[in-house]
Amino acid sequence: MASTSPRSEPARPDAGHRVARDNAVQKVWPLLGFRLHDS
């Protein structure tokens, strides 16, 4: 989980995109596994 304190990490504009992508991947993998099993 990403920290919300601006003092804990230097400013990184890409950090939010990385966290959002990681969260999306975590949610999509179970669905893809179901589709692979279904095929």
PDB file of N, CA and C in Angstrom:
ATOM      1  N   MET A   1       0.841  -1.172   0.000  1.00  0.00           N
ATOM      2  CA  MET A   1       0.000   0.000   0.000  1.00  0.00           C
ATOM      3  C   MET A   1       0.885   1.233   0.000  1.00  0.00           C
ATOM      4  N   ALA A   2       0.542   2.209  -0.742  1.00  0.00           N
ATOM      5  CA  ALA A   2       1.329   3.431  -0.843  1.00  0.00           C
ATOM      6  C   ALA A   2       1.085   4.333   0.358  1.00  0.00           C
ATOM      7  N   SER A   3       2.128   5.034   0.726  1.00  0.00           N
ATOM      8  CA  SER A   3       2.025   5.969   1.837  1.00  0.00           C
ATOM      9  C   SER A   3       1.367   7.263   1.377  1.00  0.00           C
ATOM     10  N   THR A   4       0.641   7.901   2.273  1.00  0.00           N
ATOM     11  CA  THR A   4      -0.015   9.156   1.922  1.00  0.00           C
ATOM     12  C   THR A   4       0.720  10.366   2.463  1.00  0.00           C
ATOM     13  N   SER A   5       1.743  10.133   3.271  1.00  0.00           N
ATOM     14  CA  SER A   5       2.488  11.244   3.853  1.00  0.00           C
ATOM     15  C   SER A   5       3.493  11.784   2.846  1.00  0.00           C
ATOM     16  N   PRO A   6       3.468  13.086   2.549  1.00  0.00           N
ATOM     17  CA  PRO A   6       4.418  13.636   1.579  1.00  0.00           C
ATOM     18  C   PRO A   6       5.852  13.609   2.088  1.00  0.00           C
ATOM     19  N   ARG A   7       6.052  13.480   3.388  1.00  0.00           N
ATOM     20  CA  ARG A   7       7.413  13.443   3.931  1.00  0.00           C
ATOM     21  C   ARG A   7       8.030  12.059   3.862  1.00  0.00           C
ATOM     22  N   SER A   8       7.252  11.025   3.731  1.00  0.00           N
ATOM     23  CA  SER A   8       7.786   9.669   3.777  1.00  0.00           C
ATOM     24  C   SER A   8       8.496   9.268   2.486  1.00  0.00           C
ATOM     25  N   GLU A   9       8.142   9.847   1.374  1.00  0.00           N
ATOM     26  CA  GLU A   9       8.773   9.530   0.089  1.00  0.00           C
ATOM     27  C   GLU A   9       8.970  10.802  -0.704  1.00  0.00           C
ATOM     28  N   PRO A  10      10.014  10.834  -1.525  1.00  0.00           N
ATOM     29  CA  PRO A  10      10.165  11.992  -2.412  1.00  0.00           C
ATOM     30  C   PRO A  10       9.016  12.039  -3.423  1.00  0.00           C
ATOM     31  N   ALA A  11       8.800  13.199  -3.985  1.00  0.00           N
ATOM     32  CA  ALA A  11       7.705  13.364  -4.957  1.00  0.00           C
ATOM     33  C   ALA A  11       7.960  12.482  -6.169  1.00  0.00           C
ATOM     34  N   ARG A  12       7.008  11.623  -6.477  1.00  0.00           N
ATOM     35  CA  ARG A  12       7.111  10.728  -7.637  1.00  0.00           C
ATOM     36  C   ARG A  12       5.766  10.716  -8.326  1.00  0.00           C
ATOM     37  N   PRO A  13       5.636  11.467  -9.405  1.00  0.00           N
ATOM     38  CA  PRO A  13       4.328  11.546 -10.072  1.00  0.00           C
ATOM     39  C   PRO A  13       3.847  10.214 -10.631  1.00  0.00           C
ATOM     40  N   ASP A  14       4.751   9.289 -10.926  1.00  0.00           N
ATOM     41  CA  ASP A  14       4.345   8.011 -11.494  1.00  0.00           C
ATOM     42  C   ASP A  14       3.906   7.008 -10.432  1.00  0.00           C
ATOM     43  N   ALA A  15       4.108   7.314  -9.164  1.00  0.00           N
ATOM     44  CA  ALA A  15       3.776   6.359  -8.102  1.00  0.00           C
ATOM     45  C   ALA A  15       2.283   6.043  -8.089  1.00  0.00           C
ATOM     46  N   GLY A  16       1.440   7.031  -8.277  1.00  0.00           N
ATOM     47  CA  GLY A  16      -0.001   6.793  -8.292  1.00  0.00           C
ATOM     48  C   GLY A  16      -0.423   5.903  -9.442  1.00  0.00           C
ATOM     49  N   HIS A  17       0.187   6.091 -10.599  1.00  0.00           N
ATOM     50  CA  HIS A  17      -0.135   5.241 -11.747  1.00  0.00           C
ATOM     51  C   HIS A  17       0.312   3.812 -11.496  1.00  0.00           C
ATOM     52  N   ARG A  18       1.466   3.644 -10.871  1.00  0.00           N
ATOM     53  CA  ARG A  18       1.980   2.305 -10.582  1.00  0.00           C
ATOM     54  C   ARG A  18       1.046   1.587  -9.612  1.00  0.00           C
ATOM     55  N   VAL A  19       0.625   2.283  -8.574  1.00  0.00           N
ATOM     56  CA  VAL A  19      -0.277   1.676  -7.593  1.00  0.00           C
ATOM     57  C   VAL A  19      -1.615   1.330  -8.239  1.00  0.00           C
ATOM     58  N   ALA A  20      -2.142   2.226  -9.063  1.00  0.00           N
ATOM     59  CA  ALA A  20      -3.418   1.965  -9.737  1.00  0.00           C
ATOM     60  C   ALA A  20      -3.304   0.759 -10.666  1.00  0.00           C
ATOM     61  N   ARG A  21      -2.197   0.660 -11.387  1.00  0.00           N
ATOM     62  CA  ARG A  21      -1.995  -0.476 -12.294  1.00  0.00           C
ATOM     63  C   ARG A  21      -1.887  -1.779 -11.502  1.00  0.00           C
ATOM     64  N   ASP A  22      -1.111  -1.755 -10.420  1.00  0.00           N
ATOM     65  CA  ASP A  22      -0.969  -2.950  -9.594  1.00  0.00           C
ATOM     66  C   ASP A  22      -2.319  -3.403  -9.039  1.00  0.00           C
ATOM     67  N   ASN A  23      -3.135  -2.452  -8.596  1.00  0.00           N
ATOM     68  CA  ASN A  23      -4.466  -2.789  -8.082  1.00  0.00           C
ATOM     69  C   ASN A  23      -5.340  -3.388  -9.182  1.00  0.00           C
ATOM     70  N   ALA A  24      -5.266  -2.822 -10.375  1.00  0.00           N
ATOM     71  CA  ALA A  24      -6.066  -3.332 -11.493  1.00  0.00           C
ATOM     72  C   ALA A  24      -5.638  -4.749 -11.859  1.00  0.00           C
ATOM     73  N   VAL A  25      -4.336  -4.992 -11.890  1.00  0.00           N
ATOM     74  CA  VAL A  25      -3.832  -6.330 -12.217  1.00  0.00           C
ATOM     75  C   VAL A  25      -4.315  -7.340 -11.181  1.00  0.00           C
ATOM     76  N   GLN A  26      -4.284  -6.961  -9.904  1.00  0.00           N
ATOM     77  CA  GLN A  26      -4.746  -7.864  -8.850  1.00  0.00           C
ATOM     78  C   GLN A  26      -6.222  -8.228  -9.015  1.00  0.00           C
ATOM     79  N   LYS A  27      -7.012  -7.322  -9.535  1.00  0.00           N
ATOM     80  CA  LYS A  27      -8.442  -7.584  -9.713  1.00  0.00           C
ATOM     81  C   LYS A  27      -8.738  -8.355 -10.999  1.00  0.00           C
ATOM     82  N   VAL A  28      -7.906  -8.198 -12.018  1.00  0.00           N
ATOM     83  CA  VAL A  28      -8.166  -8.815 -13.319  1.00  0.00           C
ATOM     84  C   VAL A  28      -7.698 -10.266 -13.368  1.00  0.00           C
ATOM     85  N   TRP A  29      -6.614 -10.617 -12.666  1.00  0.00           N
ATOM     86  CA  TRP A  29      -6.078 -11.968 -12.771  1.00  0.00           C
ATOM     87  C   TRP A  29      -7.083 -13.071 -12.441  1.00  0.00           C
ATOM     88  N   PRO A  30      -7.873 -12.938 -11.376  1.00  0.00           N
ATOM     89  CA  PRO A  30      -8.866 -14.003 -11.133  1.00  0.00           C
ATOM     90  C   PRO A  30      -9.864 -14.153 -12.282  1.00  0.00           C
ATOM     91  N   LEU A  31     -10.226 -13.054 -12.899  1.00  0.00           N
ATOM     92  CA  LEU A  31     -11.161 -13.126 -14.025  1.00  0.00           C
ATOM     93  C   LEU A  31     -10.516 -13.799 -15.227  1.00  0.00           C
ATOM     94  N   LEU A  32      -9.252 -13.495 -15.484  1.00  0.00           N
ATOM     95  CA  LEU A  32      -8.557 -14.128 -16.605  1.00  0.00           C
ATOM     96  C   LEU A  32      -8.366 -15.620 -16.353  1.00  0.00           C
ATOM     97  N   GLY A  33      -8.076 -15.977 -15.124  1.00  0.00           N
ATOM     98  CA  GLY A  33      -7.928 -17.392 -14.790  1.00  0.00           C
ATOM     99  C   GLY A  33      -9.219 -18.154 -15.034  1.00  0.00           C
ATOM    100  N   PHE A  34     -10.340 -17.536 -14.707  1.00  0.00           N
ATOM    101  CA  PHE A  34     -11.641 -18.167 -14.943  1.00  0.00           C
ATOM    102  C   PHE A  34     -11.864 -18.367 -16.430  1.00  0.00           C
ATOM    103  N   ARG A  35     -11.521 -17.373 -17.241  1.00  0.00           N
ATOM    104  CA  ARG A  35     -11.708 -17.480 -18.695  1.00  0.00           C
ATOM    105  C   ARG A  35     -10.798 -18.557 -19.276  1.00  0.00           C
ATOM    106  N   LEU A  36      -9.566 -18.661 -18.794  1.00  0.00           N
ATOM    107  CA  LEU A  36      -8.663 -19.696 -19.293  1.00  0.00           C
ATOM    108  C   LEU A  36      -9.201 -21.083 -18.941  1.00  0.00           C
ATOM    109  N   HIS A  37      -9.743 -21.228 -17.759  1.00  0.00           N
ATOM    110  CA  HIS A  37     -10.303 -22.504 -17.340  1.00  0.00           C
ATOM    111  C   HIS A  37     -11.547 -22.834 -18.149  1.00  0.00           C
ATOM    112  N   ASP A  38     -12.298 -21.807 -18.517  1.00  0.00           N
ATOM    113  CA  ASP A  38     -13.538 -21.955 -19.265  1.00  0.00           C
ATOM    114  C   ASP A  38     -13.289 -22.356 -20.721  1.00  0.00           C
ATOM    115  N   SER A  39     -12.133 -22.023 -21.268  1.00  0.00           N
ATOM    116  CA  SER A  39     -11.849 -22.260 -22.698  1.00  0.00           C
ATOM    117  C   SER A  39     -11.619 -23.713 -23.019  1.00  0.00           C
TER     118      SER A  39
END
